């Protein structure tokens, strides 16, 4: 699992702290019922669109093949969307987002003469 965002270098610590606070909240309380409903609706709409596109099917087939899953599970995506609840999402956050195991990677702009990769005086 990953969280990614862009921000100015001086805001990195604030953004990381806000992200960790949100993960802690989701671990402790789970998402609100409204958030679950909104996410389910987004998932339904994306699925509706994706079902008509070949890349969705090829990507799904590659995923089930590489993970050794039954390909019939692709057709059950809508059913899995309906199974999302505040409780099972909270349990997933507790399982997959331990607060004591995470890595923060920060990409900063290059500093020095000539800016980001440029050269001066050519």
PDB file of N, CA and C in Angstrom:
ATOM      1  N   UNK A   1       0.847  -1.159   0.000  1.00  0.00           N
ATOM      2  CA  UNK A   1       0.000   0.000   0.000  1.00  0.00           C
ATOM      3  C   UNK A   1       0.896   1.226   0.000  1.00  0.00           C
ATOM      4  N   UNK A   2       0.428   2.271  -0.627  1.00  0.00           N
ATOM      5  CA  UNK A   2       1.216   3.489  -0.636  1.00  0.00           C
ATOM      6  C   UNK A   2       0.315   4.709  -0.655  1.00  0.00           C
ATOM      7  N   UNK A   3       0.875   5.793  -0.184  1.00  0.00           N
ATOM      8  CA  UNK A   3       0.241   7.099  -0.229  1.00  0.00           C
ATOM      9  C   UNK A   3       1.252   8.005  -0.899  1.00  0.00           C
ATOM     10  N   UNK A   4       0.820   8.771  -1.880  1.00  0.00           N
ATOM     11  CA  UNK A   4       1.734   9.674  -2.578  1.00  0.00           C
ATOM     12  C   UNK A   4       1.086  11.043  -2.692  1.00  0.00           C
ATOM     13  N   UNK A   5       1.884  12.066  -2.576  1.00  0.00           N
ATOM     14  CA  UNK A   5       1.383  13.428  -2.734  1.00  0.00           C
ATOM     15  C   UNK A   5       2.533  14.324  -3.153  1.00  0.00           C
ATOM     16  N   UNK A   6       2.198  15.438  -3.737  1.00  0.00           N
ATOM     17  CA  UNK A   6       3.182  16.442  -4.105  1.00  0.00           C
ATOM     18  C   UNK A   6       3.007  17.662  -3.220  1.00  0.00           C
ATOM     19  N   UNK A   7       4.100  18.269  -2.854  1.00  0.00           N
ATOM     20  CA  UNK A   7       4.029  19.493  -2.057  1.00  0.00           C
ATOM     21  C   UNK A   7       5.383  20.188  -2.103  1.00  0.00           C
ATOM     22  N   UNK A   8       5.417  21.414  -1.627  1.00  0.00           N
ATOM     23  CA  UNK A   8       6.665  22.155  -1.520  1.00  0.00           C
ATOM     24  C   UNK A   8       7.531  21.499  -0.440  1.00  0.00           C
ATOM     25  N   UNK A   9       8.858  21.530  -0.614  1.00  0.00           N
ATOM     26  CA  UNK A   9       9.738  20.880   0.372  1.00  0.00           C
ATOM     27  C   UNK A   9       9.492  21.311   1.815  1.00  0.00           C
ATOM     28  N   UNK A  10       9.136  22.567   2.005  1.00  0.00           N
ATOM     29  CA  UNK A  10       8.916  23.035   3.379  1.00  0.00           C
ATOM     30  C   UNK A  10       7.631  22.478   3.997  1.00  0.00           C
ATOM     31  N   UNK A  11       6.779  21.849   3.192  1.00  0.00           N
ATOM     32  CA  UNK A  11       5.528  21.282   3.704  1.00  0.00           C
ATOM     33  C   UNK A  11       5.565  19.773   3.891  1.00  0.00           C
ATOM     34  N   UNK A  12       6.705  19.151   3.610  1.00  0.00           N
ATOM     35  CA  UNK A  12       6.786  17.688   3.666  1.00  0.00           C
ATOM     36  C   UNK A  12       6.412  17.160   5.049  1.00  0.00           C
ATOM     37  N   UNK A  13       7.026  17.678   6.091  1.00  0.00           N
ATOM     38  CA  UNK A  13       6.756  17.157   7.441  1.00  0.00           C
ATOM     39  C   UNK A  13       5.292  17.321   7.823  1.00  0.00           C
ATOM     40  N   UNK A  14       4.707  18.442   7.470  1.00  0.00           N
ATOM     41  CA  UNK A  14       3.294  18.689   7.776  1.00  0.00           C
ATOM     42  C   UNK A  14       2.403  17.686   7.038  1.00  0.00           C
ATOM     43  N   UNK A  15       2.716  17.417   5.778  1.00  0.00           N
ATOM     44  CA  UNK A  15       1.918  16.481   4.991  1.00  0.00           C
ATOM     45  C   UNK A  15       2.078  15.045   5.490  1.00  0.00           C
ATOM     46  N   UNK A  16       3.310  14.660   5.831  1.00  0.00           N
ATOM     47  CA  UNK A  16       3.545  13.313   6.368  1.00  0.00           C
ATOM     48  C   UNK A  16       2.791  13.144   7.686  1.00  0.00           C
ATOM     49  N   UNK A  17       2.842  14.161   8.551  1.00  0.00           N
ATOM     50  CA  UNK A  17       2.128  14.095   9.831  1.00  0.00           C
ATOM     51  C   UNK A  17       0.626  13.975   9.617  1.00  0.00           C
ATOM     52  N   UNK A  18       0.089  14.744   8.673  1.00  0.00           N
ATOM     53  CA  UNK A  18      -1.347  14.682   8.386  1.00  0.00           C
ATOM     54  C   UNK A  18      -1.728  13.308   7.845  1.00  0.00           C
ATOM     55  N   UNK A  19      -0.875  12.736   6.991  1.00  0.00           N
ATOM     56  CA  UNK A  19      -1.148  11.412   6.428  1.00  0.00           C
ATOM     57  C   UNK A  19      -1.148  10.356   7.523  1.00  0.00           C
ATOM     58  N   UNK A  20      -0.150  10.386   8.392  1.00  0.00           N
ATOM     59  CA  UNK A  20      -0.079   9.413   9.480  1.00  0.00           C
ATOM     60  C   UNK A  20      -1.255   9.578  10.444  1.00  0.00           C
ATOM     61  N   UNK A  21      -1.689  10.808  10.674  1.00  0.00           N
ATOM     62  CA  UNK A  21      -2.847  11.042  11.544  1.00  0.00           C
ATOM     63  C   UNK A  21      -4.108  10.452  10.912  1.00  0.00           C
ATOM     64  N   UNK A  22      -4.250  10.589   9.597  1.00  0.00           N
ATOM     65  CA  UNK A  22      -5.418  10.025   8.906  1.00  0.00           C
ATOM     66  C   UNK A  22      -5.396   8.501   8.955  1.00  0.00           C
ATOM     67  N   UNK A  23      -4.223   7.900   8.766  1.00  0.00           N
ATOM     68  CA  UNK A  23      -4.107   6.441   8.853  1.00  0.00           C
ATOM     69  C   UNK A  23      -4.476   5.977  10.262  1.00  0.00           C
ATOM     70  N   UNK A  24      -3.988   6.682  11.274  1.00  0.00           N
ATOM     71  CA  UNK A  24      -4.316   6.327  12.662  1.00  0.00           C
ATOM     72  C   UNK A  24      -5.830   6.419  12.894  1.00  0.00           C
ATOM     73  N   UNK A  25      -6.446   7.472  12.381  1.00  0.00           N
ATOM     74  CA  UNK A  25      -7.898   7.629  12.532  1.00  0.00           C
ATOM     75  C   UNK A  25      -8.640   6.475  11.851  1.00  0.00           C
ATOM     76  N   UNK A  26      -8.210   6.105  10.649  1.00  0.00           N
ATOM     77  CA  UNK A  26      -8.861   5.009   9.935  1.00  0.00           C
ATOM     78  C   UNK A  26      -8.635   3.669  10.644  1.00  0.00           C
ATOM     79  N   UNK A  27      -7.484   3.495  11.269  1.00  0.00           N
ATOM     80  CA  UNK A  27      -7.225   2.284  12.048  1.00  0.00           C
ATOM     81  C   UNK A  27      -8.113   2.238  13.290  1.00  0.00           C
ATOM     82  N   UNK A  28      -8.249   3.381  13.955  1.00  0.00           N
ATOM     83  CA  UNK A  28      -9.001   3.430  15.211  1.00  0.00           C
ATOM     84  C   UNK A  28     -10.507   3.409  15.001  1.00  0.00           C
ATOM     85  N   UNK A  29     -10.992   4.190  14.025  1.00  0.00           N
ATOM     86  CA  UNK A  29     -12.436   4.382  13.862  1.00  0.00           C
ATOM     87  C   UNK A  29     -12.996   3.793  12.574  1.00  0.00           C
ATOM     88  N   UNK A  30     -12.146   3.599  11.588  1.00  0.00           N
ATOM     89  CA  UNK A  30     -12.632   3.219  10.269  1.00  0.00           C
ATOM     90  C   UNK A  30     -13.192   4.442   9.570  1.00  0.00           C
ATOM     91  N   UNK A  31     -13.516   4.309   8.301  1.00  0.00           N
ATOM     92  CA  UNK A  31     -14.105   5.433   7.582  1.00  0.00           C
ATOM     93  C   UNK A  31     -15.555   5.638   8.017  1.00  0.00           C
ATOM     94  N   UNK A  32     -16.083   6.815   7.768  1.00  0.00           N
ATOM     95  CA  UNK A  32     -17.494   7.061   8.084  1.00  0.00           C
ATOM     96  C   UNK A  32     -18.368   6.285   7.091  1.00  0.00           C
ATOM     97  N   UNK A  33     -19.608   6.063   7.486  1.00  0.00           N
ATOM     98  CA  UNK A  33     -20.552   5.372   6.592  1.00  0.00           C
ATOM     99  C   UNK A  33     -20.727   6.173   5.302  1.00  0.00           C
ATOM    100  N   UNK A  34     -20.743   7.503   5.405  1.00  0.00           N
ATOM    101  CA  UNK A  34     -20.850   8.344   4.202  1.00  0.00           C
ATOM    102  C   UNK A  34     -19.663   8.149   3.279  1.00  0.00           C
ATOM    103  N   UNK A  35     -18.456   8.076   3.856  1.00  0.00           N
ATOM    104  CA  UNK A  35     -17.257   7.868   3.031  1.00  0.00           C
ATOM    105  C   UNK A  35     -17.297   6.516   2.335  1.00  0.00           C
ATOM    106  N   UNK A  36     -17.769   5.494   3.031  1.00  0.00           N
ATOM    107  CA  UNK A  36     -17.882   4.166   2.424  1.00  0.00           C
ATOM    108  C   UNK A  36     -18.861   4.214   1.254  1.00  0.00           C
ATOM    109  N   UNK A  37     -20.001   4.863   1.439  1.00  0.00           N
ATOM    110  CA  UNK A  37     -20.992   4.965   0.367  1.00  0.00           C
ATOM    111  C   UNK A  37     -20.426   5.731  -0.834  1.00  0.00           C
ATOM    112  N   UNK A  38     -19.725   6.821  -0.573  1.00  0.00           N
ATOM    113  CA  UNK A  38     -19.127   7.607  -1.658  1.00  0.00           C
ATOM    114  C   UNK A  38     -18.108   6.768  -2.423  1.00  0.00           C
ATOM    115  N   UNK A  39     -17.269   6.064  -1.686  1.00  0.00           N
ATOM    116  CA  UNK A  39     -16.253   5.223  -2.336  1.00  0.00           C
ATOM    117  C   UNK A  39     -16.892   4.098  -3.133  1.00  0.00           C
ATOM    118  N   UNK A  40     -17.941   3.500  -2.597  1.00  0.00           N
ATOM    119  CA  UNK A  40     -18.634   2.449  -3.340  1.00  0.00           C
ATOM    120  C   UNK A  40     -19.201   3.004  -4.644  1.00  0.00           C
ATOM    121  N   UNK A  41     -19.781   4.180  -4.600  1.00  0.00           N
ATOM    122  CA  UNK A  41     -20.346   4.765  -5.806  1.00  0.00           C
ATOM    123  C   UNK A  41     -19.252   5.062  -6.836  1.00  0.00           C
ATOM    124  N   UNK A  42     -18.120   5.564  -6.388  1.00  0.00           N
ATOM    125  CA  UNK A  42     -16.987   5.809  -7.295  1.00  0.00           C
ATOM    126  C   UNK A  42     -16.533   4.497  -7.921  1.00  0.00           C
ATOM    127  N   UNK A  43     -16.394   3.460  -7.101  1.00  0.00           N
ATOM    128  CA  UNK A  43     -15.979   2.145  -7.602  1.00  0.00           C
ATOM    129  C   UNK A  43     -16.974   1.600  -8.625  1.00  0.00           C
ATOM    130  N   UNK A  44     -18.271   1.762  -8.354  1.00  0.00           N
ATOM    131  CA  UNK A  44     -19.298   1.279  -9.289  1.00  0.00           C
ATOM    132  C   UNK A  44     -19.190   1.996 -10.635  1.00  0.00           C
ATOM    133  N   UNK A  45     -19.045   3.316 -10.588  1.00  0.00           N
ATOM    134  CA  UNK A  45     -18.950   4.085 -11.835  1.00  0.00           C
ATOM    135  C   UNK A  45     -17.697   3.719 -12.617  1.00  0.00           C
ATOM    136  N   UNK A  46     -16.562   3.594 -11.922  1.00  0.00           N
ATOM    137  CA  UNK A  46     -15.316   3.211 -12.598  1.00  0.00           C
ATOM    138  C   UNK A  46     -15.440   1.818 -13.205  1.00  0.00           C
ATOM    139  N   UNK A  47     -16.059   0.903 -12.474  1.00  0.00           N
ATOM    140  CA  UNK A  47     -16.238  -0.448 -12.986  1.00  0.00           C
ATOM    141  C   UNK A  47     -17.116  -0.434 -14.227  1.00  0.00           C
ATOM    142  N   UNK A  48     -18.198   0.315 -14.186  1.00  0.00           N
ATOM    143  CA  UNK A  48     -19.105   0.410 -15.333  1.00  0.00           C
ATOM    144  C   UNK A  48     -18.357   0.848 -16.588  1.00  0.00           C
ATOM    145  N   UNK A  49     -17.504   1.843 -16.434  1.00  0.00           N
ATOM    146  CA  UNK A  49     -16.708   2.337 -17.559  1.00  0.00           C
ATOM    147  C   UNK A  49     -15.660   1.308 -17.976  1.00  0.00           C
ATOM    148  N   UNK A  50     -14.965   0.743 -16.992  1.00  0.00           N
ATOM    149  CA  UNK A  50     -13.880  -0.196 -17.285  1.00  0.00           C
ATOM    150  C   UNK A  50     -14.353  -1.471 -17.968  1.00  0.00           C
ATOM    151  N   UNK A  51     -15.550  -1.917 -17.637  1.00  0.00           N
ATOM    152  CA  UNK A  51     -16.045  -3.159 -18.223  1.00  0.00           C
ATOM    153  C   UNK A  51     -16.141  -3.097 -19.746  1.00  0.00           C
ATOM    154  N   UNK A  52     -16.183  -1.890 -20.283  1.00  0.00           N
ATOM    155  CA  UNK A  52     -16.284  -1.711 -21.734  1.00  0.00           C
ATOM    156  C   UNK A  52     -14.928  -1.489 -22.390  1.00  0.00           C
ATOM    157  N   UNK A  53     -13.852  -1.639 -21.631  1.00  0.00           N
ATOM    158  CA  UNK A  53     -12.522  -1.346 -22.163  1.00  0.00           C
ATOM    159  C   UNK A  53     -11.609  -2.567 -22.066  1.00  0.00           C
ATOM    160  N   UNK A  54     -10.917  -2.818 -23.152  1.00  0.00           N
ATOM    161  CA  UNK A  54     -10.013  -3.971 -23.186  1.00  0.00           C
ATOM    162  C   UNK A  54      -8.891  -3.913 -22.153  1.00  0.00           C
ATOM    163  N   UNK A  55      -8.282  -2.746 -21.899  1.00  0.00           N
ATOM    164  CA  UNK A  55      -7.195  -2.733 -20.910  1.00  0.00           C
ATOM    165  C   UNK A  55      -7.623  -3.222 -19.525  1.00  0.00           C
ATOM    166  N   UNK A  56      -8.864  -2.966 -19.146  1.00  0.00           N
ATOM    167  CA  UNK A  56      -9.365  -3.466 -17.867  1.00  0.00           C
ATOM    168  C   UNK A  56      -9.325  -4.994 -17.850  1.00  0.00           C
ATOM    169  N   UNK A  57      -9.830  -5.596 -18.916  1.00  0.00           N
ATOM    170  CA  UNK A  57      -9.889  -7.052 -18.983  1.00  0.00           C
ATOM    171  C   UNK A  57      -8.506  -7.674 -19.065  1.00  0.00           C
ATOM    172  N   UNK A  58      -7.620  -7.103 -19.882  1.00  0.00           N
ATOM    173  CA  UNK A  58      -6.268  -7.677 -19.975  1.00  0.00           C
ATOM    174  C   UNK A  58      -5.514  -7.500 -18.662  1.00  0.00           C
ATOM    175  N   UNK A  59      -5.654  -6.344 -18.043  1.00  0.00           N
ATOM    176  CA  UNK A  59      -5.001  -6.121 -16.747  1.00  0.00           C
ATOM    177  C   UNK A  59      -5.535  -7.050 -15.674  1.00  0.00           C
ATOM    178  N   UNK A  60      -6.848  -7.230 -15.655  1.00  0.00           N
ATOM    179  CA  UNK A  60      -7.464  -8.129 -14.674  1.00  0.00           C
ATOM    180  C   UNK A  60      -7.026  -9.572 -14.898  1.00  0.00           C
ATOM    181  N   UNK A  61      -6.976  -9.979 -16.157  1.00  0.00           N
ATOM    182  CA  UNK A  61      -6.532 -11.343 -16.462  1.00  0.00           C
ATOM    183  C   UNK A  61      -5.074 -11.550 -16.055  1.00  0.00           C
ATOM    184  N   UNK A  62      -4.238 -10.561 -16.307  1.00  0.00           N
ATOM    185  CA  UNK A  62      -2.830 -10.665 -15.895  1.00  0.00           C
ATOM    186  C   UNK A  62      -2.720 -10.773 -14.381  1.00  0.00           C
ATOM    187  N   UNK A  63      -3.513  -9.972 -13.673  1.00  0.00           N
ATOM    188  CA  UNK A  63      -3.468  -9.992 -12.208  1.00  0.00           C
ATOM    189  C   UNK A  63      -3.900 -11.348 -11.658  1.00  0.00           C
ATOM    190  N   UNK A  64      -5.042 -11.861 -12.093  1.00  0.00           N
ATOM    191  CA  UNK A  64      -5.501 -13.143 -11.560  1.00  0.00           C
ATOM    192  C   UNK A  64      -4.531 -14.265 -11.928  1.00  0.00           C
ATOM    193  N   UNK A  65      -3.943 -14.180 -13.108  1.00  0.00           N
ATOM    194  CA  UNK A  65      -2.975 -15.204 -13.517  1.00  0.00           C
ATOM    195  C   UNK A  65      -1.724 -15.147 -12.633  1.00  0.00           C
ATOM    196  N   UNK A  66      -1.176 -13.949 -12.442  1.00  0.00           N
ATOM    197  CA  UNK A  66       0.065 -13.838 -11.669  1.00  0.00           C
ATOM    198  C   UNK A  66      -0.142 -14.187 -10.199  1.00  0.00           C
ATOM    199  N   UNK A  67      -1.353 -13.975  -9.668  1.00  0.00           N
ATOM    200  CA  UNK A  67      -1.623 -14.287  -8.266  1.00  0.00           C
ATOM    201  C   UNK A  67      -2.226 -15.680  -8.072  1.00  0.00           C
ATOM    202  N   UNK A  68      -2.496 -16.369  -9.185  1.00  0.00           N
ATOM    203  CA  UNK A  68      -3.043 -17.712  -9.090  1.00  0.00           C
ATOM    204  C   UNK A  68      -4.504 -17.748  -8.670  1.00  0.00           C
ATOM    205  N   UNK A  69      -5.226 -16.658  -8.913  1.00  0.00           N
ATOM    206  CA  UNK A  69      -6.636 -16.593  -8.542  1.00  0.00           C
ATOM    207  C   UNK A  69      -7.507 -17.172  -9.644  1.00  0.00           C
ATOM    208  N   UNK A  70      -8.720 -17.497  -9.286  1.00  0.00           N
ATOM    209  CA  UNK A  70      -9.723 -17.974 -10.242  1.00  0.00           C
ATOM    210  C   UNK A  70     -10.167 -16.789 -11.102  1.00  0.00           C
ATOM    211  N   UNK A  71     -10.045 -16.875 -12.427  1.00  0.00           N
ATOM    212  CA  UNK A  71     -10.430 -15.743 -13.281  1.00  0.00           C
ATOM    213  C   UNK A  71     -11.914 -15.369 -13.171  1.00  0.00           C
ATOM    214  N   UNK A  72     -12.739 -16.263 -12.672  1.00  0.00           N
ATOM    215  CA  UNK A  72     -14.159 -15.938 -12.515  1.00  0.00           C
ATOM    216  C   UNK A  72     -14.390 -14.849 -11.477  1.00  0.00           C
ATOM    217  N   UNK A  73     -13.385 -14.602 -10.655  1.00  0.00           N
ATOM    218  CA  UNK A  73     -13.538 -13.561  -9.646  1.00  0.00           C
ATOM    219  C   UNK A  73     -13.615 -12.173 -10.268  1.00  0.00           C
ATOM    220  N   UNK A  74     -13.118 -12.007 -11.494  1.00  0.00           N
ATOM    221  CA  UNK A  74     -13.194 -10.704 -12.177  1.00  0.00           C
ATOM    222  C   UNK A  74     -14.654 -10.285 -12.316  1.00  0.00           C
ATOM    223  N   UNK A  75     -15.512 -11.212 -12.660  1.00  0.00           N
ATOM    224  CA  UNK A  75     -16.933 -10.910 -12.866  1.00  0.00           C
ATOM    225  C   UNK A  75     -17.663 -10.619 -11.559  1.00  0.00           C
ATOM    226  N   UNK A  76     -17.032 -10.879 -10.428  1.00  0.00           N
ATOM    227  CA  UNK A  76     -17.669 -10.665  -9.130  1.00  0.00           C
ATOM    228  C   UNK A  76     -17.235  -9.369  -8.463  1.00  0.00           C
ATOM    229  N   UNK A  77     -16.572  -8.520  -9.224  1.00  0.00           N
ATOM    230  CA  UNK A  77     -16.087  -7.248  -8.668  1.00  0.00           C
ATOM    231  C   UNK A  77     -17.219  -6.428  -8.054  1.00  0.00           C
ATOM    232  N   UNK A  78     -18.347  -6.326  -8.739  1.00  0.00           N
ATOM    233  CA  UNK A  78     -19.480  -5.532  -8.233  1.00  0.00           C
ATOM    234  C   UNK A  78     -19.936  -6.071  -6.875  1.00  0.00           C
ATOM    235  N   UNK A  79     -19.987  -7.381  -6.732  1.00  0.00           N
ATOM    236  CA  UNK A  79     -20.390  -7.980  -5.454  1.00  0.00           C
ATOM    237  C   UNK A  79     -19.411  -7.623  -4.347  1.00  0.00           C
ATOM    238  N   UNK A  80     -18.115  -7.606  -4.667  1.00  0.00           N
ATOM    239  CA  UNK A  80     -17.111  -7.257  -3.660  1.00  0.00           C
ATOM    240  C   UNK A  80     -17.223  -5.791  -3.250  1.00  0.00           C
ATOM    241  N   UNK A  81     -17.595  -4.934  -4.178  1.00  0.00           N
ATOM    242  CA  UNK A  81     -17.794  -3.521  -3.840  1.00  0.00           C
ATOM    243  C   UNK A  81     -18.901  -3.393  -2.800  1.00  0.00           C
ATOM    244  N   UNK A  82     -19.959  -4.148  -2.967  1.00  0.00           N
ATOM    245  CA  UNK A  82     -21.107  -4.074  -2.050  1.00  0.00           C
ATOM    246  C   UNK A  82     -20.763  -4.606  -0.662  1.00  0.00           C
ATOM    247  N   UNK A  83     -19.722  -5.414  -0.546  1.00  0.00           N
ATOM    248  CA  UNK A  83     -19.348  -5.999   0.743  1.00  0.00           C
ATOM    249  C   UNK A  83     -18.536  -5.058   1.629  1.00  0.00           C
ATOM    250  N   UNK A  84     -18.114  -3.917   1.092  1.00  0.00           N
ATOM    251  CA  UNK A  84     -17.326  -2.977   1.888  1.00  0.00           C
ATOM    252  C   UNK A  84     -18.160  -2.389   3.015  1.00  0.00           C
ATOM    253  N   UNK A  85     -17.586  -2.404   4.226  1.00  0.00           N
ATOM    254  CA  UNK A  85     -18.251  -1.802   5.382  1.00  0.00           C
ATOM    255  C   UNK A  85     -17.224  -1.006   6.178  1.00  0.00           C
ATOM    256  N   UNK A  86     -17.714  -0.165   7.052  1.00  0.00           N
ATOM    257  CA  UNK A  86     -16.826   0.588   7.942  1.00  0.00           C
ATOM    258  C   UNK A  86     -15.962  -0.383   8.743  1.00  0.00           C
ATOM    259  N   UNK A  87     -16.575  -1.436   9.243  1.00  0.00           N
ATOM    260  CA  UNK A  87     -15.862  -2.396  10.089  1.00  0.00           C
ATOM    261  C   UNK A  87     -14.779  -3.157   9.328  1.00  0.00           C
ATOM    262  N   UNK A  88     -15.093  -3.722   8.146  1.00  0.00           N
ATOM    263  CA  UNK A  88     -14.059  -4.514   7.471  1.00  0.00           C
ATOM    264  C   UNK A  88     -12.963  -3.618   6.889  1.00  0.00           C
ATOM    265  N   UNK A  89     -13.285  -2.373   6.568  1.00  0.00           N
ATOM    266  CA  UNK A  89     -12.230  -1.451   6.133  1.00  0.00           C
ATOM    267  C   UNK A  89     -11.333  -1.070   7.309  1.00  0.00           C
ATOM    268  N   UNK A  90     -11.920  -0.875   8.477  1.00  0.00           N
ATOM    269  CA  UNK A  90     -11.123  -0.587   9.672  1.00  0.00           C
ATOM    270  C   UNK A  90     -10.178  -1.762   9.974  1.00  0.00           C
ATOM    271  N   UNK A  91     -10.691  -2.968   9.870  1.00  0.00           N
ATOM    272  CA  UNK A  91      -9.856  -4.152  10.096  1.00  0.00           C
ATOM    273  C   UNK A  91      -8.729  -4.234   9.071  1.00  0.00           C
ATOM    274  N   UNK A  92      -9.022  -3.871   7.826  1.00  0.00           N
ATOM    275  CA  UNK A  92      -7.979  -3.865   6.794  1.00  0.00           C
ATOM    276  C   UNK A  92      -6.906  -2.832   7.108  1.00  0.00           C
ATOM    277  N   UNK A  93      -7.311  -1.661   7.568  1.00  0.00           N
ATOM    278  CA  UNK A  93      -6.322  -0.649   7.939  1.00  0.00           C
ATOM    279  C   UNK A  93      -5.468  -1.138   9.101  1.00  0.00           C
ATOM    280  N   UNK A  94      -6.074  -1.798  10.061  1.00  0.00           N
ATOM    281  CA  UNK A  94      -5.296  -2.323  11.181  1.00  0.00           C
ATOM    282  C   UNK A  94      -4.287  -3.379  10.727  1.00  0.00           C
ATOM    283  N   UNK A  95      -4.683  -4.192   9.764  1.00  0.00           N
ATOM    284  CA  UNK A  95      -3.814  -5.266   9.288  1.00  0.00           C
ATOM    285  C   UNK A  95      -2.703  -4.751   8.375  1.00  0.00           C
ATOM    286  N   UNK A  96      -3.047  -3.867   7.425  1.00  0.00           N
ATOM    287  CA  UNK A  96      -2.104  -3.496   6.374  1.00  0.00           C
ATOM    288  C   UNK A  96      -1.391  -2.163   6.585  1.00  0.00           C
ATOM    289  N   UNK A  97      -1.770  -1.407   7.594  1.00  0.00           N
ATOM    290  CA  UNK A  97      -1.119  -0.130   7.867  1.00  0.00           C
ATOM    291  C   UNK A  97      -0.635  -0.067   9.316  1.00  0.00           C
ATOM    292  N   UNK A  98       0.338  -0.903   9.683  1.00  0.00           N
ATOM    293  CA  UNK A  98       0.842  -0.828  11.059  1.00  0.00           C
ATOM    294  C   UNK A  98       1.524   0.521  11.281  1.00  0.00           C
ATOM    295  N   UNK A  99       1.248   1.135  12.416  1.00  0.00           N
ATOM    296  CA  UNK A  99       1.789   2.465  12.680  1.00  0.00           C
ATOM    297  C   UNK A  99       3.287   2.465  12.953  1.00  0.00           C
ATOM    298  N   UNK A 100       3.852   1.299  13.225  1.00  0.00           N
ATOM    299  CA  UNK A 100       5.285   1.241  13.518  1.00  0.00           C
ATOM    300  C   UNK A 100       6.117   0.708  12.345  1.00  0.00           C
ATOM    301  N   UNK A 101       5.498   0.498  11.193  1.00  0.00           N
ATOM    302  CA  UNK A 101       6.214   0.005  10.007  1.00  0.00           C
ATOM    303  C   UNK A 101       5.824   0.815   8.787  1.00  0.00           C
ATOM    304  N   UNK A 102       6.620   1.798   8.458  1.00  0.00           N
ATOM    305  CA  UNK A 102       6.363   2.574   7.257  1.00  0.00           C
ATOM    306  C   UNK A 102       7.660   3.224   6.792  1.00  0.00           C
ATOM    307  N   UNK A 103       7.669   3.612   5.555  1.00  0.00           N
ATOM    308  CA  UNK A 103       8.828   4.273   4.965  1.00  0.00           C
ATOM    309  C   UNK A 103       8.360   5.564   4.323  1.00  0.00           C
ATOM    310  N   UNK A 104       9.111   6.620   4.544  1.00  0.00           N
ATOM    311  CA  UNK A 104       8.826   7.902   3.914  1.00  0.00           C
ATOM    312  C   UNK A 104       9.956   8.177   2.927  1.00  0.00           C
ATOM    313  N   UNK A 105       9.591   8.381   1.675  1.00  0.00           N
ATOM    314  CA  UNK A 105      10.560   8.718   0.632  1.00  0.00           C
ATOM    315  C   UNK A 105      10.228  10.118   0.153  1.00  0.00           C
ATOM    316  N   UNK A 106      11.208  10.999   0.169  1.00  0.00           N
ATOM    317  CA  UNK A 106      10.998  12.384  -0.228  1.00  0.00           C
ATOM    318  C   UNK A 106      11.923  12.723  -1.381  1.00  0.00           C
ATOM    319  N   UNK A 107      11.344  13.155  -2.481  1.00  0.00           N
ATOM    320  CA  UNK A 107      12.122  13.622  -3.621  1.00  0.00           C
ATOM    321  C   UNK A 107      12.163  15.141  -3.557  1.00  0.00           C
ATOM    322  N   UNK A 108      13.356  15.684  -3.491  1.00  0.00           N
ATOM    323  CA  UNK A 108      13.520  17.125  -3.397  1.00  0.00           C
ATOM    324  C   UNK A 108      14.074  17.673  -4.703  1.00  0.00           C
ATOM    325  N   UNK A 109      13.770  18.943  -4.997  1.00  0.00           N
ATOM    326  CA  UNK A 109      14.339  19.536  -6.210  1.00  0.00           C
ATOM    327  C   UNK A 109      15.858  19.600  -6.104  1.00  0.00           C
ATOM    328  N   UNK A 110      16.515  19.461  -7.242  1.00  0.00           N
ATOM    329  CA  UNK A 110      17.952  19.564  -7.282  1.00  0.00           C
ATOM    330  C   UNK A 110      18.356  20.989  -6.982  1.00  0.00           C
ATOM    331  N   UNK A 111      19.418  21.144  -6.200  1.00  0.00           N
ATOM    332  CA  UNK A 111      19.906  22.486  -5.876  1.00  0.00           C
ATOM    333  C   UNK A 111      21.263  22.703  -6.505  1.00  0.00           C
ATOM    334  N   UNK A 112      21.642  23.940  -6.612  1.00  0.00           N
ATOM    335  CA  UNK A 112      22.967  24.236  -7.158  1.00  0.00           C
ATOM    336  C   UNK A 112      22.866  25.072  -8.410  1.00  0.00           C
ATOM    337  N   UNK A 113      23.996  25.312  -9.015  1.00  0.00           N
ATOM    338  CA  UNK A 113      24.090  26.145 -10.202  1.00  0.00           C
ATOM    339  C   UNK A 113      23.385  25.445 -11.368  1.00  0.00           C
ATOM    340  N   UNK A 114      22.572  26.196 -12.072  1.00  0.00           N
ATOM    341  CA  UNK A 114      21.927  25.650 -13.272  1.00  0.00           C
ATOM    342  C   UNK A 114      20.595  24.997 -13.017  1.00  0.00           C
ATOM    343  N   UNK A 115      20.147  24.910 -11.760  1.00  0.00           N
ATOM    344  CA  UNK A 115      18.821  24.341 -11.483  1.00  0.00           C
ATOM    345  C   UNK A 115      18.781  22.846 -11.644  1.00  0.00           C
ATOM    346  N   UNK A 116      17.622  22.325 -11.977  1.00  0.00           N
ATOM    347  CA  UNK A 116      17.390  20.888 -12.051  1.00  0.00           C
ATOM    348  C   UNK A 116      18.033  20.290 -13.286  1.00  0.00           C
ATOM    349  N   UNK A 117      19.254  19.836 -13.156  1.00  0.00           N
ATOM    350  CA  UNK A 117      19.923  19.134 -14.238  1.00  0.00           C
ATOM    351  C   UNK A 117      20.463  20.019 -15.343  1.00  0.00           C
ATOM    352  N   UNK A 118      20.233  21.293 -15.267  1.00  0.00           N
ATOM    353  CA  UNK A 118      20.700  22.180 -16.324  1.00  0.00           C
ATOM    354  C   UNK A 118      22.163  22.508 -16.179  1.00  0.00           C
ATOM    355  N   UNK A 119      22.748  23.031 -17.222  1.00  0.00           N
ATOM    356  CA  UNK A 119      24.137  23.461 -17.129  1.00  0.00           C
ATOM    357  C   UNK A 119      24.199  24.933 -17.487  1.00  0.00           C
ATOM    358  N   UNK A 120      25.151  25.616 -16.897  1.00  0.00           N
ATOM    359  CA  UNK A 120      25.277  27.047 -17.076  1.00  0.00           C
ATOM    360  C   UNK A 120      26.511  27.346 -17.910  1.00  0.00           C
ATOM    361  N   UNK A 121      26.388  28.291 -18.829  1.00  0.00           N
ATOM    362  CA  UNK A 121      27.534  28.778 -19.564  1.00  0.00           C
ATOM    363  C   UNK A 121      27.880  27.992 -20.803  1.00  0.00           C
ATOM    364  N   UNK A 122      26.997  27.221 -21.334  1.00  0.00           N
ATOM    365  CA  UNK A 122      27.293  26.469 -22.553  1.00  0.00           C
ATOM    366  C   UNK A 122      27.300  27.322 -23.731  1.00  0.00           C
TER     367      UNK A 122
END
